[in-house]
Each structure stands twice: as C-alpha cells, then as structure tokens.
Amino acid sequence: MEDRNRFQPGLSGTFSLVKARFDAELAECGRRGPLPRYEGAVEVRVQPDVLRIAGRVKGREGRVKLALGDIVHARARKDLADLWIRSEGSELQMATFKLQSERSAGELVSWLPAATPPTPAVLGAVRAPLPFGIVIGMAGAVIAIFAVVLVLVLKR
C-alpha cells in the first residue's frame, strides 16, 4: 500500500480540475503580452477559470495561466486556433496554436465561451505576412531605381 503522507515531488499539492487538454504548437505569437514565445510542443489545459499553457521557453520548462476572461477573441481556422489575449493597456496579444486536427481547434475555441469572434478591426490590426513574390518584386524595383539614379549621377 502507498504511503499518502510521503513527499511526492511530482505533485503540486493543489487540486485542479481539468475540463479539456490539448497538445499543440505555438505557430505564431505576438511579442507583447502575457504569453511567452514557447518553443516546440505545448500543452494547453482548460481549467474552470484559467487557460493553462505549458512548454519550453528559452530551454527551460515554463507555464502561464491566463484568466479565461482575458481571452477576448477566438476563432478556429482548419487545425489552427487564433486567440487574442488582453494585455496591459488596450493592446491585444495574438497567439495562433496549431493543433492536431480541425476538430481539436474547434473544441479549444468552444471551451472559451466569453471569447467572441474577432471583428474586422481586430483582424485588420494583425500584421498579415507579405507573400514572398511581392517582397522580391519590391526589392527588385528598389534596386532598379537605385541603379538608374547611380547611372544618372555618374553621367554628369
């Protein structure tokens, strides 16, 4: 029989009810806000009042607990779950989690009843990545303009 009074370092000493648990990766994370930029796999747990996220940050294990009320907006896109988290001031930190399936992403969002779908203004505030072709085209145009100016200056 196991001795319940013996010290058990793997247990925290407090009881926490876990409503749902998801394995995910942090695909994208805003720089400013309560959520650190985790490396690799993370564990996302929905508890009665908090969303607990645990993973590796700069080579060390870490975890953060976010109040469910601080998750302002949420949406599921295929196997991705986008969350907008309230941070200091009026800024929102956007985080995108890549889950194992479309169903998992939808389930995670469904566990956040206070979070509303993002508004067009919120979506517009998110920096959309530029397609690689546009970046190359813009760089080529800048180089061409520089070359023309250089040739005109050297002709004088």
N, C-alpha and C. Protein backbone atom coordinates (compact mmCIF):
# COMPACT_ATOMS: atom_id res chain seq x y z
N MET A 1 0.84 -1.19 0.00
CA MET A 1 0.00 0.00 0.00
C MET A 1 0.88 1.25 0.00
N GLU A 2 0.46 2.27 -0.74
CA GLU A 2 1.21 3.50 -0.91
C GLU A 2 1.01 4.42 0.30
N ASP A 3 2.12 5.04 0.74
CA ASP A 3 2.05 5.96 1.87
C ASP A 3 1.66 7.34 1.35
N ARG A 4 0.47 7.82 1.69
CA ARG A 4 -0.02 9.11 1.19
C ARG A 4 0.66 10.29 1.86
N ASN A 5 1.27 10.09 2.99
CA ASN A 5 1.91 11.19 3.71
C ASN A 5 3.35 11.41 3.25
N ARG A 6 3.88 10.48 2.44
CA ARG A 6 5.24 10.60 1.94
C ARG A 6 5.32 11.74 0.90
N PHE A 7 6.43 12.46 0.90
CA PHE A 7 6.61 13.56 -0.05
C PHE A 7 6.63 13.04 -1.47
N GLN A 8 5.86 13.68 -2.35
CA GLN A 8 5.81 13.30 -3.76
C GLN A 8 6.10 14.54 -4.60
N PRO A 9 7.34 14.68 -5.08
CA PRO A 9 7.74 15.92 -5.77
C PRO A 9 6.99 16.17 -7.07
N GLY A 10 6.41 15.15 -7.68
CA GLY A 10 5.70 15.33 -8.94
C GLY A 10 4.33 15.97 -8.77
N LEU A 11 3.84 16.05 -7.57
CA LEU A 11 2.51 16.62 -7.32
C LEU A 11 2.66 18.04 -6.80
N SER A 12 1.75 18.91 -7.20
CA SER A 12 1.85 20.32 -6.80
C SER A 12 1.27 20.59 -5.42
N GLY A 13 0.48 19.70 -4.91
CA GLY A 13 -0.12 19.91 -3.60
C GLY A 13 -1.49 20.56 -3.68
N THR A 14 -1.88 21.00 -4.86
CA THR A 14 -3.21 21.57 -5.02
C THR A 14 -3.96 20.77 -6.06
N PHE A 15 -5.24 20.79 -5.94
CA PHE A 15 -6.09 20.05 -6.85
C PHE A 15 -6.61 21.01 -7.92
N SER A 16 -6.46 20.65 -9.18
CA SER A 16 -7.00 21.49 -10.24
C SER A 16 -7.84 20.62 -11.17
N LEU A 17 -9.02 21.08 -11.44
CA LEU A 17 -9.95 20.38 -12.31
C LEU A 17 -9.62 20.74 -13.76
N VAL A 18 -9.35 19.76 -14.57
CA VAL A 18 -9.03 19.99 -15.97
C VAL A 18 -10.26 19.60 -16.79
N LYS A 19 -10.82 20.58 -17.48
CA LYS A 19 -12.00 20.34 -18.31
C LYS A 19 -11.63 19.75 -19.67
N ALA A 20 -10.50 20.22 -20.22
CA ALA A 20 -10.05 19.73 -21.51
C ALA A 20 -8.54 19.91 -21.61
N ARG A 21 -7.89 19.05 -22.40
CA ARG A 21 -6.45 19.09 -22.57
C ARG A 21 -6.14 18.91 -24.05
N PHE A 22 -5.20 19.74 -24.56
CA PHE A 22 -4.84 19.69 -25.97
C PHE A 22 -3.33 19.73 -26.11
N ASP A 23 -2.80 18.95 -27.05
CA ASP A 23 -1.39 19.04 -27.45
C ASP A 23 -1.35 19.95 -28.66
N ALA A 24 -0.45 20.92 -28.65
CA ALA A 24 -0.40 21.90 -29.72
C ALA A 24 1.03 22.40 -29.90
N GLU A 25 1.20 23.26 -30.89
CA GLU A 25 2.43 24.02 -31.09
C GLU A 25 2.04 25.47 -31.23
N LEU A 26 2.86 26.35 -30.73
CA LEU A 26 2.61 27.77 -30.87
C LEU A 26 3.13 28.19 -32.24
N ALA A 27 2.22 28.35 -33.19
CA ALA A 27 2.60 28.66 -34.57
C ALA A 27 3.00 30.12 -34.72
N GLU A 28 2.34 31.01 -33.98
CA GLU A 28 2.62 32.43 -34.06
C GLU A 28 2.26 33.07 -32.74
N CYS A 29 3.03 34.07 -32.34
CA CYS A 29 2.78 34.72 -31.06
C CYS A 29 3.26 36.16 -31.11
N GLY A 30 2.37 37.08 -30.74
CA GLY A 30 2.76 38.49 -30.66
C GLY A 30 3.83 38.69 -29.61
N ARG A 31 4.64 39.69 -29.79
CA ARG A 31 5.76 39.93 -28.88
C ARG A 31 5.32 40.49 -27.54
N ARG A 32 4.32 41.32 -27.52
CA ARG A 32 3.91 41.98 -26.28
C ARG A 32 2.66 41.34 -25.72
N GLY A 33 2.77 40.89 -24.49
CA GLY A 33 1.62 40.29 -23.83
C GLY A 33 2.03 39.27 -22.81
N PRO A 34 1.05 38.64 -22.19
CA PRO A 34 1.35 37.71 -21.10
C PRO A 34 1.88 36.35 -21.56
N LEU A 35 1.69 36.01 -22.81
CA LEU A 35 2.08 34.68 -23.31
C LEU A 35 3.51 34.74 -23.86
N PRO A 36 4.43 33.93 -23.30
CA PRO A 36 5.79 33.90 -23.85
C PRO A 36 5.83 33.13 -25.17
N ARG A 37 6.93 33.25 -25.88
CA ARG A 37 7.09 32.55 -27.16
C ARG A 37 7.66 31.16 -26.90
N TYR A 38 6.76 30.21 -26.73
CA TYR A 38 7.16 28.83 -26.46
C TYR A 38 7.83 28.21 -27.66
N GLU A 39 8.74 27.27 -27.40
CA GLU A 39 9.46 26.54 -28.45
C GLU A 39 8.89 25.14 -28.56
N GLY A 40 8.51 24.72 -29.73
CA GLY A 40 8.04 23.35 -29.93
C GLY A 40 6.66 23.09 -29.35
N ALA A 41 6.48 21.89 -28.84
CA ALA A 41 5.17 21.45 -28.36
C ALA A 41 4.78 22.13 -27.06
N VAL A 42 3.50 22.42 -26.93
CA VAL A 42 2.95 22.96 -25.70
C VAL A 42 1.73 22.13 -25.30
N GLU A 43 1.42 22.19 -24.02
CA GLU A 43 0.21 21.55 -23.52
C GLU A 43 -0.75 22.66 -23.11
N VAL A 44 -1.97 22.59 -23.64
CA VAL A 44 -2.99 23.59 -23.33
C VAL A 44 -4.07 22.89 -22.51
N ARG A 45 -4.32 23.41 -21.31
CA ARG A 45 -5.36 22.85 -20.44
C ARG A 45 -6.41 23.91 -20.16
N VAL A 46 -7.67 23.52 -20.29
CA VAL A 46 -8.76 24.40 -19.92
C VAL A 46 -9.18 24.00 -18.52
N GLN A 47 -9.08 24.95 -17.59
CA GLN A 47 -9.48 24.73 -16.21
C GLN A 47 -10.67 25.66 -15.93
N PRO A 48 -11.32 25.53 -14.78
CA PRO A 48 -12.54 26.31 -14.54
C PRO A 48 -12.41 27.82 -14.79
N ASP A 49 -11.33 28.44 -14.36
CA ASP A 49 -11.19 29.89 -14.51
C ASP A 49 -10.01 30.31 -15.36
N VAL A 50 -9.17 29.37 -15.75
CA VAL A 50 -7.94 29.73 -16.46
C VAL A 50 -7.66 28.80 -17.64
N LEU A 51 -6.86 29.32 -18.55
CA LEU A 51 -6.29 28.52 -19.63
C LEU A 51 -4.82 28.38 -19.27
N ARG A 52 -4.38 27.16 -19.03
CA ARG A 52 -3.01 26.90 -18.60
C ARG A 52 -2.23 26.39 -19.80
N ILE A 53 -1.11 27.05 -20.09
CA ILE A 53 -0.27 26.68 -21.23
C ILE A 53 1.12 26.40 -20.70
N ALA A 54 1.65 25.22 -21.01
CA ALA A 54 2.96 24.81 -20.52
C ALA A 54 3.82 24.33 -21.69
N GLY A 55 5.10 24.66 -21.62
CA GLY A 55 6.04 24.25 -22.65
C GLY A 55 7.43 24.75 -22.33
N ARG A 56 8.30 24.75 -23.33
CA ARG A 56 9.68 25.19 -23.15
C ARG A 56 9.84 26.62 -23.64
N VAL A 57 10.48 27.44 -22.80
CA VAL A 57 10.80 28.82 -23.14
C VAL A 57 12.29 29.00 -22.89
N LYS A 58 13.04 29.32 -23.93
CA LYS A 58 14.48 29.50 -23.83
C LYS A 58 15.16 28.33 -23.14
N GLY A 59 14.77 27.12 -23.51
CA GLY A 59 15.40 25.92 -22.99
C GLY A 59 14.93 25.47 -21.62
N ARG A 60 14.02 26.18 -21.01
CA ARG A 60 13.53 25.82 -19.68
C ARG A 60 12.03 25.58 -19.74
N GLU A 61 11.58 24.66 -18.89
CA GLU A 61 10.15 24.40 -18.78
C GLU A 61 9.48 25.59 -18.12
N GLY A 62 8.34 25.97 -18.62
CA GLY A 62 7.59 27.08 -18.04
C GLY A 62 6.11 26.92 -18.30
N ARG A 63 5.32 27.65 -17.55
CA ARG A 63 3.88 27.62 -17.77
C ARG A 63 3.30 28.97 -17.42
N VAL A 64 2.17 29.26 -18.02
CA VAL A 64 1.47 30.50 -17.75
C VAL A 64 -0.02 30.17 -17.62
N LYS A 65 -0.67 30.88 -16.73
CA LYS A 65 -2.12 30.73 -16.56
C LYS A 65 -2.77 32.04 -16.97
N LEU A 66 -3.67 31.95 -17.94
CA LEU A 66 -4.39 33.12 -18.43
C LEU A 66 -5.84 33.02 -17.97
N ALA A 67 -6.34 34.08 -17.38
CA ALA A 67 -7.75 34.10 -16.97
C ALA A 67 -8.61 33.97 -18.22
N LEU A 68 -9.63 33.14 -18.16
CA LEU A 68 -10.49 32.94 -19.34
C LEU A 68 -11.11 34.26 -19.79
N GLY A 69 -11.37 35.17 -18.85
CA GLY A 69 -11.92 36.47 -19.20
C GLY A 69 -10.96 37.35 -19.97
N ASP A 70 -9.66 37.05 -19.90
CA ASP A 70 -8.66 37.83 -20.63
C ASP A 70 -8.51 37.38 -22.08
N ILE A 71 -9.17 36.30 -22.44
CA ILE A 71 -9.15 35.85 -23.83
C ILE A 71 -10.37 36.48 -24.49
N VAL A 72 -10.12 37.57 -25.20
CA VAL A 72 -11.18 38.43 -25.71
C VAL A 72 -11.82 37.86 -26.97
N HIS A 73 -11.00 37.42 -27.91
CA HIS A 73 -11.49 36.89 -29.18
C HIS A 73 -10.85 35.53 -29.44
N ALA A 74 -11.59 34.68 -30.15
CA ALA A 74 -11.06 33.36 -30.53
C ALA A 74 -11.75 32.90 -31.80
N ARG A 75 -11.00 32.19 -32.63
CA ARG A 75 -11.58 31.58 -33.83
C ARG A 75 -10.77 30.35 -34.20
N ALA A 76 -11.43 29.43 -34.90
CA ALA A 76 -10.77 28.23 -35.39
C ALA A 76 -10.66 28.34 -36.91
N ARG A 77 -9.47 28.05 -37.44
CA ARG A 77 -9.23 28.01 -38.89
C ARG A 77 -8.52 26.70 -39.19
N LYS A 78 -9.24 25.78 -39.79
CA LYS A 78 -8.70 24.44 -40.05
C LYS A 78 -8.13 23.88 -38.76
N ASP A 79 -6.83 23.55 -38.71
CA ASP A 79 -6.25 22.98 -37.49
C ASP A 79 -5.58 24.04 -36.62
N LEU A 80 -5.92 25.32 -36.87
CA LEU A 80 -5.36 26.43 -36.10
C LEU A 80 -6.42 27.06 -35.21
N ALA A 81 -6.00 27.47 -34.02
CA ALA A 81 -6.87 28.23 -33.12
C ALA A 81 -6.18 29.56 -32.86
N ASP A 82 -6.84 30.66 -33.25
CA ASP A 82 -6.31 32.00 -33.03
C ASP A 82 -6.96 32.57 -31.77
N LEU A 83 -6.13 33.08 -30.86
CA LEU A 83 -6.63 33.69 -29.63
C LEU A 83 -6.08 35.11 -29.53
N TRP A 84 -6.91 36.04 -29.10
CA TRP A 84 -6.50 37.40 -28.82
C TRP A 84 -6.61 37.59 -27.32
N ILE A 85 -5.47 37.85 -26.69
CA ILE A 85 -5.38 37.88 -25.24
C ILE A 85 -5.18 39.33 -24.78
N ARG A 86 -5.96 39.73 -23.80
CA ARG A 86 -5.83 41.08 -23.24
C ARG A 86 -4.50 41.20 -22.51
N SER A 87 -3.77 42.26 -22.83
CA SER A 87 -2.53 42.53 -22.12
C SER A 87 -2.65 43.91 -21.50
N GLU A 88 -1.55 44.44 -20.98
CA GLU A 88 -1.60 45.75 -20.35
C GLU A 88 -2.06 46.80 -21.34
N GLY A 89 -2.82 47.76 -20.86
CA GLY A 89 -3.34 48.81 -21.72
C GLY A 89 -4.45 48.26 -22.60
N SER A 90 -4.55 48.78 -23.80
CA SER A 90 -5.62 48.35 -24.70
C SER A 90 -5.13 47.37 -25.75
N GLU A 91 -3.85 46.99 -25.69
CA GLU A 91 -3.30 46.08 -26.69
C GLU A 91 -3.79 44.66 -26.50
N LEU A 92 -3.93 43.96 -27.61
CA LEU A 92 -4.25 42.54 -27.58
C LEU A 92 -3.06 41.77 -28.14
N GLN A 93 -2.71 40.69 -27.49
CA GLN A 93 -1.66 39.82 -28.00
C GLN A 93 -2.33 38.70 -28.77
N MET A 94 -1.93 38.50 -30.00
CA MET A 94 -2.49 37.41 -30.79
C MET A 94 -1.57 36.20 -30.71
N ALA A 95 -2.18 35.04 -30.52
CA ALA A 95 -1.43 33.79 -30.50
C ALA A 95 -2.17 32.78 -31.35
N THR A 96 -1.43 32.06 -32.16
CA THR A 96 -2.01 31.01 -33.00
C THR A 96 -1.43 29.67 -32.58
N PHE A 97 -2.32 28.75 -32.24
CA PHE A 97 -1.92 27.41 -31.85
C PHE A 97 -2.26 26.45 -32.98
N LYS A 98 -1.29 25.61 -33.34
CA LYS A 98 -1.51 24.55 -34.33
C LYS A 98 -1.83 23.28 -33.56
N LEU A 99 -3.06 22.81 -33.74
CA LEU A 99 -3.50 21.61 -33.04
C LEU A 99 -3.44 20.41 -33.96
N GLN A 100 -3.81 19.25 -33.44
CA GLN A 100 -3.67 18.02 -34.21
C GLN A 100 -4.74 17.83 -35.28
N SER A 101 -5.87 18.54 -35.16
CA SER A 101 -6.92 18.38 -36.15
C SER A 101 -7.83 19.60 -36.14
N GLU A 102 -8.67 19.71 -37.17
CA GLU A 102 -9.68 20.77 -37.23
C GLU A 102 -10.62 20.66 -36.04
N ARG A 103 -10.97 19.44 -35.71
CA ARG A 103 -11.90 19.20 -34.60
C ARG A 103 -11.31 19.70 -33.28
N SER A 104 -10.03 19.44 -33.04
CA SER A 104 -9.37 19.90 -31.82
C SER A 104 -9.36 21.42 -31.74
N ALA A 105 -9.09 22.09 -32.86
CA ALA A 105 -9.08 23.56 -32.87
C ALA A 105 -10.47 24.09 -32.54
N GLY A 106 -11.49 23.50 -33.12
CA GLY A 106 -12.86 23.91 -32.83
C GLY A 106 -13.24 23.67 -31.38
N GLU A 107 -12.80 22.55 -30.83
CA GLU A 107 -13.09 22.24 -29.43
C GLU A 107 -12.42 23.23 -28.49
N LEU A 108 -11.16 23.56 -28.76
CA LEU A 108 -10.47 24.52 -27.91
C LEU A 108 -11.23 25.85 -27.88
N VAL A 109 -11.61 26.34 -29.04
CA VAL A 109 -12.35 27.61 -29.12
C VAL A 109 -13.70 27.49 -28.41
N SER A 110 -14.34 26.34 -28.51
CA SER A 110 -15.66 26.18 -27.86
C SER A 110 -15.57 26.20 -26.34
N TRP A 111 -14.40 25.92 -25.78
CA TRP A 111 -14.21 25.97 -24.33
C TRP A 111 -13.99 27.39 -23.83
N LEU A 112 -13.99 28.35 -24.72
CA LEU A 112 -13.77 29.75 -24.35
C LEU A 112 -15.04 30.56 -24.62
N PRO A 113 -16.08 30.37 -23.81
CA PRO A 113 -17.39 30.95 -24.10
C PRO A 113 -17.42 32.48 -24.04
N ALA A 114 -16.54 33.10 -23.27
CA ALA A 114 -16.53 34.56 -23.17
C ALA A 114 -15.85 35.20 -24.37
N ALA A 115 -15.07 34.44 -25.11
CA ALA A 115 -14.35 34.98 -26.28
C ALA A 115 -15.30 35.08 -27.46
N THR A 116 -15.31 36.24 -28.08
CA THR A 116 -16.16 36.46 -29.25
C THR A 116 -15.33 36.30 -30.52
N PRO A 117 -15.99 36.10 -31.66
CA PRO A 117 -15.23 36.07 -32.92
C PRO A 117 -14.55 37.42 -33.14
N PRO A 118 -13.38 37.42 -33.77
CA PRO A 118 -12.68 38.69 -33.99
C PRO A 118 -13.44 39.59 -34.95
N THR A 119 -13.41 40.87 -34.68
CA THR A 119 -14.06 41.86 -35.54
C THR A 119 -13.14 42.19 -36.71
N PRO A 120 -13.67 42.80 -37.77
CA PRO A 120 -12.80 43.20 -38.87
C PRO A 120 -11.67 44.14 -38.42
N ALA A 121 -11.95 45.01 -37.45
CA ALA A 121 -10.91 45.93 -36.96
C ALA A 121 -9.79 45.14 -36.28
N VAL A 122 -10.13 44.11 -35.52
CA VAL A 122 -9.13 43.29 -34.85
C VAL A 122 -8.32 42.52 -35.90
N LEU A 123 -9.00 41.97 -36.89
CA LEU A 123 -8.30 41.23 -37.94
C LEU A 123 -7.40 42.16 -38.74
N GLY A 124 -7.81 43.40 -38.95
CA GLY A 124 -7.00 44.37 -39.69
C GLY A 124 -5.76 44.78 -38.93
N ALA A 125 -5.82 44.71 -37.61
CA ALA A 125 -4.67 45.10 -36.79
C ALA A 125 -3.58 44.04 -36.82
N VAL A 126 -3.93 42.82 -37.20
CA VAL A 126 -2.95 41.73 -37.26
C VAL A 126 -2.10 41.94 -38.51
N ARG A 127 -0.81 41.88 -38.33
CA ARG A 127 0.08 42.03 -39.47
C ARG A 127 0.00 40.78 -40.33
N ALA A 128 -0.49 40.95 -41.54
CA ALA A 128 -0.54 39.83 -42.47
C ALA A 128 0.83 39.69 -43.13
N PRO A 129 1.36 38.49 -43.20
CA PRO A 129 2.66 38.32 -43.84
C PRO A 129 2.57 38.61 -45.33
N LEU A 130 3.59 39.27 -45.86
CA LEU A 130 3.62 39.55 -47.29
C LEU A 130 4.05 38.30 -48.05
N PRO A 131 3.39 38.03 -49.16
CA PRO A 131 3.84 36.90 -49.99
C PRO A 131 5.27 37.15 -50.47
N PHE A 132 6.04 36.08 -50.58
CA PHE A 132 7.45 36.15 -50.94
C PHE A 132 7.65 36.84 -52.29
N GLY A 133 6.78 36.59 -53.25
CA GLY A 133 6.90 37.20 -54.58
C GLY A 133 6.82 38.71 -54.53
N ILE A 134 5.95 39.24 -53.68
CA ILE A 134 5.82 40.70 -53.56
C ILE A 134 7.10 41.29 -52.97
N VAL A 135 7.67 40.63 -51.99
CA VAL A 135 8.90 41.11 -51.36
C VAL A 135 10.02 41.14 -52.39
N ILE A 136 10.16 40.10 -53.19
CA ILE A 136 11.20 40.04 -54.22
C ILE A 136 10.96 41.13 -55.26
N GLY A 137 9.71 41.31 -55.68
CA GLY A 137 9.38 42.35 -56.66
C GLY A 137 9.71 43.74 -56.15
N MET A 138 9.38 44.01 -54.88
CA MET A 138 9.68 45.31 -54.30
C MET A 138 11.19 45.53 -54.19
N ALA A 139 11.92 44.50 -53.80
CA ALA A 139 13.38 44.61 -53.71
C ALA A 139 13.98 44.87 -55.08
N GLY A 140 13.47 44.19 -56.10
CA GLY A 140 13.95 44.41 -57.47
C GLY A 140 13.69 45.83 -57.94
N ALA A 141 12.51 46.37 -57.61
CA ALA A 141 12.17 47.74 -58.00
C ALA A 141 13.09 48.74 -57.32
N VAL A 142 13.38 48.54 -56.06
CA VAL A 142 14.27 49.44 -55.32
C VAL A 142 15.68 49.40 -55.92
N ILE A 143 16.16 48.22 -56.24
CA ILE A 143 17.49 48.08 -56.84
C ILE A 143 17.53 48.75 -58.21
N ALA A 144 16.47 48.59 -59.01
CA ALA A 144 16.43 49.20 -60.34
C ALA A 144 16.44 50.73 -60.23
N ILE A 145 15.66 51.28 -59.31
CA ILE A 145 15.63 52.74 -59.13
C ILE A 145 17.00 53.23 -58.69
N PHE A 146 17.62 52.52 -57.76
CA PHE A 146 18.96 52.90 -57.29
C PHE A 146 19.95 52.88 -58.45
N ALA A 147 19.88 51.87 -59.32
CA ALA A 147 20.80 51.76 -60.45
C ALA A 147 20.61 52.92 -61.42
N VAL A 148 19.36 53.30 -61.69
CA VAL A 148 19.09 54.41 -62.61
C VAL A 148 19.63 55.71 -62.04
N VAL A 149 19.39 55.95 -60.74
CA VAL A 149 19.90 57.16 -60.10
C VAL A 149 21.42 57.17 -60.14
N LEU A 150 22.05 56.07 -59.87
CA LEU A 150 23.51 55.96 -59.89
C LEU A 150 24.06 56.27 -61.27
N VAL A 151 23.43 55.72 -62.33
CA VAL A 151 23.89 55.95 -63.69
C VAL A 151 23.74 57.43 -64.04
N LEU A 152 22.62 58.06 -63.67
CA LEU A 152 22.40 59.48 -63.98
C LEU A 152 23.41 60.36 -63.25
N VAL A 153 23.75 60.01 -62.02
CA VAL A 153 24.72 60.81 -61.25
C VAL A 153 26.12 60.64 -61.85
N LEU A 154 26.49 59.44 -62.27
CA LEU A 154 27.82 59.21 -62.82
C LEU A 154 27.99 59.82 -64.21
N LYS A 155 26.91 60.05 -64.98
CA LYS A 155 26.98 60.63 -66.31
C LYS A 155 27.36 62.10 -66.27
N ARG A 156 27.08 62.75 -65.18
CA ARG A 156 27.37 64.19 -65.10
C ARG A 156 28.79 64.47 -65.19
